[in-house]
Amino acid sequence: MTRLPRLLRDSEAASMRDEDDDDDDAQKGPSLFAKGARFLVQRPLLSGILFALLGFAALAFTLPVPEKAADAELAIAVSKVVTQEHPEQEKPPEQEARERQATPPTEETPPPAPAVPVVADVALLITDVGLNRRLAEAIDKTLPVETTLAISPYGSDPAATAKAFLDTGRDIWVNLSAQSTEAGIDPGPLAISGALSKKENVDFIKKQLDAVGSGAIGIFVPNDADITLQPDLWRDVALEAIAFNKMVLDGTAAKVATELYVQKSEAKISAYLKTDIVIDGSTPPAALEAALASAVPAILKLKEAIVVVTHPNAIGVEIVGKWVEGLAANGIRLVPASKFTGLKP
């Protein structure tokens, strides 16, 4: 009898605890998951779309994609982007035609012609340099540095002219002023002459050398100088010039070198040169061209020759320049006059 009331009391206490728990759950409300499930249940269309997307995503992760196919797709995508950003523009037909006309056709450079062997040397001397500025400029522009120049002592500044040409590497000589064998020519106040004494002639040579300057290699005796008509006088004067440590280039027909050889003056012979061909540079262009052309066979025959062109003007210098350009084709080499020493044939 006493156990039944206790059981009833325990049952009532348990029932009261359950009711308290239910009250607590009722106070907390439904969970977040429950709310989401209720939201989807109430919207069946949205639920279907969501589940379909989740299914496709799961399938994509489970199926492997080949690396080459992925690279190809990436390359195609990049190519499309580049093409869209930099579309190739087609040129109008007129522009393409102009470009084709402006592009010169490619031509092969012909091989250089074989060099002609050198068979002769020639020295070229130009007289009366410094009397005309235009002539000096033409010489400097047209003729090579191997050209020998005879500076006139009567120029406006012969020393400056000589130095300017010396700085270019040319041979410089004094164009000796001398009384001419031709009538009516005034040789100037410093001219040597066959009518003067040895001392007077030597003094005039010194003055002419001083006017041109110490850079001169020697003196050039014009082909019309009358002093060589007095062989003994001229020989003594020439020896004095050589004693000044200057060479003598004789353009006359004198035989002074032969007489020096007879006297056994070997050292003095080497300083005395004779010209081989004298051409009047003041003649008309056609005559000058013909004279220069006729000199070529003589040079080839002599093997070593000195050619003098007297009194040229600027046009004459241009003609001489063209002649010089053609010497190599004939096997002739241009050299300074100082290269030659000794007796000439």
Protein backbone atom coordinates (compact mmCIF):
# COMPACT_ATOMS: atom_id res chain seq x y z
CA MET A 1 0.00 0.00 0.00
CA THR A 2 2.83 2.35 0.64
CA ARG A 3 4.67 1.78 -2.76
CA LEU A 4 1.79 2.87 -4.98
CA PRO A 5 1.55 6.47 -3.79
CA ARG A 6 5.36 6.82 -4.28
CA LEU A 7 5.15 5.58 -7.87
CA LEU A 8 2.38 7.98 -8.57
CA ARG A 9 4.41 10.81 -7.18
CA ASP A 10 7.43 9.89 -9.37
CA SER A 11 5.27 9.67 -12.48
CA GLU A 12 3.75 13.05 -11.81
CA ALA A 13 7.25 14.61 -11.34
CA ALA A 14 8.52 13.15 -14.64
CA SER A 15 5.45 14.40 -16.43
CA MET A 16 6.02 17.85 -15.05
CA ARG A 17 9.72 17.85 -16.26
CA ASP A 18 8.60 16.87 -19.80
CA GLU A 19 6.12 19.68 -19.86
CA ASP A 20 8.85 22.11 -18.77
CA ASP A 21 11.17 20.94 -21.63
CA ASP A 22 8.35 21.36 -24.17
CA ASP A 23 7.78 24.83 -22.88
CA ASP A 24 11.48 25.68 -23.33
CA ASP A 25 11.47 24.35 -26.95
CA ALA A 26 8.36 26.31 -27.70
CA GLN A 27 10.03 29.45 -26.41
CA LYS A 28 13.23 28.91 -28.59
CA GLY A 29 11.28 28.53 -31.91
CA PRO A 30 12.20 26.51 -35.10
CA SER A 31 15.95 26.03 -36.16
CA LEU A 32 17.69 27.70 -39.20
CA PHE A 33 17.68 24.47 -41.16
CA ALA A 34 13.98 24.11 -40.51
CA LYS A 35 13.37 27.59 -41.76
CA GLY A 36 15.38 26.89 -44.98
CA ALA A 37 13.55 23.66 -45.61
CA ARG A 38 10.21 25.35 -45.06
CA PHE A 39 11.33 28.15 -47.53
CA LEU A 40 12.19 25.66 -50.26
CA VAL A 41 9.09 23.62 -49.70
CA GLN A 42 6.97 26.68 -50.13
CA ARG A 43 8.80 27.49 -53.47
CA PRO A 44 9.08 24.32 -55.53
CA LEU A 45 10.32 26.02 -58.79
CA LEU A 46 13.29 27.68 -57.13
CA SER A 47 14.07 24.43 -55.35
CA GLY A 48 14.21 22.55 -58.65
CA ILE A 49 16.60 25.06 -60.24
CA LEU A 50 18.91 25.03 -57.22
CA PHE A 51 19.07 21.22 -57.08
CA ALA A 52 19.78 21.08 -60.86
CA LEU A 53 22.72 23.49 -60.55
CA LEU A 54 24.14 21.53 -57.65
CA GLY A 55 23.87 18.35 -59.69
CA PHE A 56 25.71 19.83 -62.70
CA ALA A 57 28.49 21.15 -60.46
CA ALA A 58 28.96 17.75 -58.85
CA LEU A 59 29.08 16.08 -62.26
CA ALA A 60 31.71 18.57 -63.55
CA PHE A 61 33.99 17.86 -60.61
CA THR A 62 33.68 14.09 -61.01
CA LEU A 63 34.46 13.96 -64.79
CA PRO A 64 38.23 14.62 -65.75
CA VAL A 65 38.97 17.18 -68.52
CA PRO A 66 41.94 16.40 -70.88
CA GLU A 67 44.80 18.93 -70.55
CA LYS A 68 45.25 19.39 -74.33
CA ALA A 69 41.57 20.12 -74.82
CA ALA A 70 41.69 22.69 -72.03
CA ASP A 71 44.76 24.33 -73.56
CA ALA A 72 43.10 24.42 -76.97
CA GLU A 73 40.01 26.05 -75.55
CA LEU A 74 42.15 28.61 -73.72
CA ALA A 75 44.13 29.38 -76.92
CA ILE A 76 40.93 29.84 -78.91
CA ALA A 77 39.53 32.16 -76.27
CA VAL A 78 42.72 34.25 -76.17
CA SER A 79 42.85 34.41 -79.96
CA LYS A 80 39.30 35.70 -80.08
CA VAL A 81 40.10 38.38 -77.52
CA VAL A 82 43.25 39.54 -79.38
CA THR A 83 41.40 39.60 -82.69
CA GLN A 84 38.67 41.72 -81.20
CA GLU A 85 41.16 44.15 -79.63
CA HIS A 86 43.42 44.46 -82.73
CA PRO A 87 41.39 43.74 -85.85
CA GLU A 88 43.53 43.48 -89.04
CA GLN A 89 42.80 46.33 -91.40
CA GLU A 90 42.85 45.64 -95.08
CA LYS A 91 44.78 48.14 -97.24
CA PRO A 92 43.01 49.79 -100.14
CA PRO A 93 44.14 48.52 -103.57
CA GLU A 94 45.51 51.97 -104.48
CA GLN A 95 47.79 51.99 -101.41
CA GLU A 96 49.11 48.50 -102.15
CA ALA A 97 49.89 49.53 -105.73
CA ARG A 98 51.80 52.62 -104.59
CA GLU A 99 53.81 50.57 -102.10
CA ARG A 100 54.76 48.05 -104.77
CA GLN A 101 55.92 50.85 -107.08
CA ALA A 102 57.92 52.53 -104.29
CA THR A 103 59.81 49.34 -103.44
CA PRO A 104 62.77 49.07 -105.84
CA PRO A 105 63.51 45.64 -107.24
CA THR A 106 66.44 43.93 -105.63
CA GLU A 107 69.47 43.74 -107.88
CA GLU A 108 72.56 41.74 -107.23
CA THR A 109 75.73 43.82 -106.92
CA PRO A 110 78.10 42.89 -109.73
CA PRO A 111 81.48 41.61 -108.59
CA PRO A 112 84.30 44.19 -108.72
CA ALA A 113 86.42 44.19 -111.82
CA PRO A 114 89.87 42.67 -111.35
CA ALA A 115 92.55 45.26 -110.61
CA VAL A 116 94.95 46.07 -113.43
CA PRO A 117 98.55 45.46 -112.34
CA VAL A 118 100.75 48.54 -112.01
CA VAL A 119 103.28 48.74 -114.84
CA ALA A 120 104.29 52.43 -114.66
CA ASP A 121 104.58 55.33 -112.20
CA VAL A 122 103.85 58.94 -113.10
CA ALA A 123 104.26 62.20 -111.20
CA LEU A 124 101.90 65.04 -112.11
CA LEU A 125 102.97 68.63 -111.40
CA ILE A 126 100.61 71.63 -111.63
CA THR A 127 102.26 75.06 -112.03
CA ASP A 128 101.37 78.60 -110.90
CA VAL A 129 99.39 77.46 -107.85
CA GLY A 130 98.36 80.30 -105.53
CA LEU A 131 97.82 83.02 -108.14
CA ASN A 132 94.10 82.26 -108.31
CA ARG A 133 91.96 81.25 -105.35
CA ARG A 134 89.38 79.50 -107.50
CA LEU A 135 92.15 77.44 -109.09
CA ALA A 136 93.51 76.45 -105.67
CA GLU A 137 90.05 75.36 -104.51
CA ALA A 138 89.55 73.31 -107.69
CA ILE A 139 92.90 71.58 -107.16
CA ASP A 140 92.11 70.76 -103.55
CA LYS A 141 88.67 69.41 -104.46
CA THR A 142 89.50 67.54 -107.68
CA LEU A 143 93.08 66.25 -107.63
CA PRO A 144 94.38 63.53 -105.28
CA VAL A 145 97.02 64.21 -102.64
CA GLU A 146 99.67 62.48 -104.76
CA THR A 147 99.55 65.47 -107.13
CA THR A 148 102.67 67.67 -106.96
CA LEU A 149 102.12 71.43 -106.76
CA ALA A 150 104.45 74.30 -107.74
CA ILE A 151 103.58 77.40 -105.67
CA SER A 152 104.10 80.80 -107.28
CA PRO A 153 106.11 83.30 -105.15
CA TYR A 154 103.84 86.07 -106.49
CA GLY A 155 100.64 84.91 -104.83
CA SER A 156 98.82 87.00 -102.24
CA ASP A 157 100.14 84.74 -99.45
CA PRO A 158 102.33 81.99 -100.93
CA ALA A 159 103.50 80.72 -97.54
CA ALA A 160 99.91 80.22 -96.33
CA THR A 161 98.97 78.52 -99.60
CA ALA A 162 101.97 76.21 -99.33
CA LYS A 163 101.18 75.32 -95.72
CA ALA A 164 97.53 74.62 -96.51
CA PHE A 165 98.49 72.13 -99.22
CA LEU A 166 101.29 70.67 -97.11
CA ASP A 167 98.75 69.89 -94.40
CA THR A 168 96.86 67.75 -96.93
CA GLY A 169 99.99 65.65 -97.55
CA ARG A 170 100.99 67.02 -100.96
CA ASP A 171 104.47 67.61 -102.38
CA ILE A 172 105.16 71.38 -102.55
CA TRP A 173 107.75 72.99 -104.83
CA VAL A 174 108.61 76.62 -105.62
CA ASN A 175 107.48 77.63 -109.10
CA LEU A 176 110.71 79.46 -109.94
CA SER A 177 110.20 82.84 -111.57
CA ALA A 178 112.54 83.05 -114.56
CA GLN A 179 113.00 85.17 -117.65
CA SER A 180 111.16 83.49 -120.53
CA THR A 181 112.54 82.65 -123.95
CA GLU A 182 109.25 83.90 -125.36
CA ALA A 183 108.95 87.61 -126.05
CA GLY A 184 106.45 89.84 -124.30
CA ILE A 185 106.28 87.93 -121.01
CA ASP A 186 107.03 89.83 -117.80
CA PRO A 187 108.54 87.34 -115.28
CA GLY A 188 108.30 89.71 -112.29
CA PRO A 189 110.86 91.39 -110.03
CA LEU A 190 112.34 88.16 -108.58
CA ALA A 191 113.08 86.41 -111.86
CA ILE A 192 116.38 84.67 -112.49
CA SER A 193 117.89 85.22 -115.91
CA GLY A 194 120.75 84.22 -118.13
CA ALA A 195 121.68 87.90 -118.27
CA LEU A 196 122.38 88.05 -114.51
CA SER A 197 125.42 86.92 -112.59
CA LYS A 198 125.60 83.74 -110.54
CA LYS A 199 125.34 85.71 -107.29
CA GLU A 200 122.31 87.70 -108.47
CA ASN A 201 120.52 84.56 -109.57
CA VAL A 202 121.29 82.75 -106.33
CA ASP A 203 119.99 85.72 -104.30
CA PHE A 204 116.71 85.73 -106.26
CA ILE A 205 116.30 81.99 -105.69
CA LYS A 206 116.74 82.51 -101.94
CA LYS A 207 114.07 85.23 -101.91
CA GLN A 208 111.61 83.00 -103.76
CA LEU A 209 112.27 80.13 -101.39
CA ASP A 210 111.70 82.42 -98.40
CA ALA A 211 108.41 83.66 -99.87
CA VAL A 212 106.97 80.13 -100.17
CA GLY A 213 108.42 78.84 -96.91
CA SER A 214 110.63 76.06 -95.67
CA GLY A 215 108.10 73.33 -96.46
CA ALA A 216 109.00 73.36 -100.15
CA ILE A 217 110.91 70.29 -101.34
CA GLY A 218 112.72 72.13 -104.11
CA ILE A 219 112.47 74.47 -107.10
CA PHE A 220 110.72 73.86 -110.39
CA VAL A 221 112.39 75.48 -113.42
CA PRO A 222 109.78 76.37 -116.10
CA ASN A 223 110.29 74.90 -119.55
CA ASP A 224 110.70 78.38 -121.09
CA ALA A 225 113.41 79.62 -118.66
CA ASP A 226 116.25 81.26 -120.58
CA ILE A 227 118.89 80.64 -117.92
CA THR A 228 119.45 77.06 -119.02
CA LEU A 229 120.64 78.41 -122.36
CA GLN A 230 123.77 79.36 -120.43
CA PRO A 231 124.84 75.81 -119.38
CA ASP A 232 127.81 76.80 -117.25
CA LEU A 233 125.92 79.56 -115.47
CA TRP A 234 122.89 77.40 -114.88
CA ARG A 235 124.97 74.48 -113.64
CA ASP A 236 126.60 76.66 -110.99
CA VAL A 237 123.26 78.18 -109.95
CA ALA A 238 121.65 74.74 -109.76
CA LEU A 239 124.46 73.48 -107.57
CA GLU A 240 123.88 76.39 -105.19
CA ALA A 241 120.18 75.55 -105.00
CA ILE A 242 121.01 71.94 -104.21
CA ALA A 243 123.39 73.20 -101.54
CA PHE A 244 120.31 74.78 -99.86
CA ASN A 245 119.11 71.19 -99.40
CA LYS A 246 116.53 71.65 -102.15
CA MET A 247 115.80 69.45 -105.13
CA VAL A 248 115.73 70.81 -108.67
CA LEU A 249 113.03 69.81 -111.16
CA ASP A 250 114.10 71.06 -114.55
CA GLY A 251 111.42 71.48 -117.19
CA THR A 252 113.80 72.72 -119.89
CA ALA A 253 115.83 70.78 -122.43
CA ALA A 254 119.13 71.48 -120.61
CA LYS A 255 121.65 68.68 -120.10
CA VAL A 256 122.84 69.78 -116.68
CA ALA A 257 122.39 66.33 -115.17
CA THR A 258 124.76 64.84 -117.69
CA GLU A 259 127.41 67.41 -116.86
CA LEU A 260 127.01 66.73 -113.14
CA TYR A 261 127.48 63.04 -113.80
CA VAL A 262 130.66 63.72 -115.66
CA GLN A 263 131.91 65.59 -112.62
CA LYS A 264 131.20 62.47 -110.49
CA SER A 265 128.84 64.43 -108.21
CA GLU A 266 126.70 61.40 -107.46
CA ALA A 267 124.91 62.91 -104.42
CA LYS A 268 124.06 66.05 -106.35
CA ILE A 269 122.80 64.07 -109.33
CA SER A 270 120.13 62.42 -107.15
CA ALA A 271 118.66 65.86 -106.34
CA TYR A 272 118.34 66.94 -109.98
CA LEU A 273 115.25 65.72 -111.84
CA LYS A 274 114.13 66.23 -115.41
CA THR A 275 110.54 66.43 -116.62
CA ASP A 276 109.45 64.12 -119.42
CA ILE A 277 106.20 65.62 -120.75
CA VAL A 278 105.07 69.27 -120.59
CA ILE A 279 101.43 70.07 -121.47
CA ASP A 280 99.99 73.57 -121.87
CA GLY A 281 97.02 73.62 -119.52
CA SER A 282 95.69 76.91 -120.87
CA THR A 283 94.64 75.36 -124.21
CA PRO A 284 90.94 74.76 -125.03
CA PRO A 285 89.35 71.74 -123.30
CA ALA A 286 89.37 69.50 -126.38
CA ALA A 287 93.07 70.19 -127.06
CA LEU A 288 93.95 69.56 -123.40
CA GLU A 289 92.07 66.26 -123.39
CA ALA A 290 93.88 65.15 -126.53
CA ALA A 291 97.28 66.08 -125.11
CA LEU A 292 96.65 64.17 -121.90
CA ALA A 293 95.42 61.12 -123.82
CA SER A 294 98.55 61.09 -125.99
CA ALA A 295 100.72 61.16 -122.84
CA VAL A 296 99.49 57.75 -121.68
CA PRO A 297 101.45 55.65 -124.23
CA ALA A 298 104.61 57.65 -123.48
CA ILE A 299 104.22 57.04 -119.75
CA LEU A 300 103.77 53.31 -120.32
CA LYS A 301 106.91 53.27 -122.45
CA LEU A 302 109.03 55.20 -119.93
CA LYS A 303 107.77 53.23 -116.89
CA GLU A 304 108.68 56.26 -114.73
CA ALA A 305 107.68 59.72 -115.93
CA ILE A 306 107.10 63.28 -114.73
CA VAL A 307 104.26 65.16 -116.45
CA VAL A 308 103.87 68.93 -116.05
CA VAL A 309 100.62 70.79 -116.76
CA THR A 310 101.31 74.55 -117.02
CA HIS A 311 98.95 77.47 -116.37
CA PRO A 312 95.67 75.52 -116.06
CA ASN A 313 92.39 77.21 -115.16
CA ALA A 314 89.62 75.64 -113.06
CA ILE A 315 88.07 73.90 -116.07
CA GLY A 316 91.49 72.55 -117.04
CA VAL A 317 91.93 71.15 -113.53
CA GLU A 318 88.64 69.25 -113.85
CA ILE A 319 89.82 67.75 -117.14
CA VAL A 320 93.11 66.73 -115.54
CA GLY A 321 91.18 65.18 -112.64
CA LYS A 322 89.17 62.95 -114.99
CA TRP A 323 92.39 61.94 -116.75
CA VAL A 324 93.95 60.97 -113.42
CA GLU A 325 90.92 58.82 -112.56
CA GLY A 326 91.52 56.75 -115.69
CA LEU A 327 95.22 56.11 -115.10
CA ALA A 328 94.70 53.01 -112.95
CA ALA A 329 92.77 51.29 -115.75
CA ASN A 330 95.95 51.58 -117.86
CA GLY A 331 98.17 50.19 -115.11
CA ILE A 332 99.61 53.62 -114.24
CA ARG A 333 100.07 54.72 -110.63
CA LEU A 334 100.18 58.39 -109.57
CA VAL A 335 103.10 59.23 -107.23
CA PRO A 336 104.67 62.46 -105.87
CA ALA A 337 107.56 63.90 -107.88
CA SER A 338 109.88 63.50 -104.90
CA LYS A 339 109.69 59.74 -105.42
CA PHE A 340 112.01 60.01 -108.40
CA THR A 341 115.72 60.68 -107.95
CA GLY A 342 118.73 60.30 -110.18
CA LEU A 343 119.26 60.61 -113.91
CA LYS A 344 116.28 60.34 -116.18
CA PRO A 345 116.55 58.19 -119.36
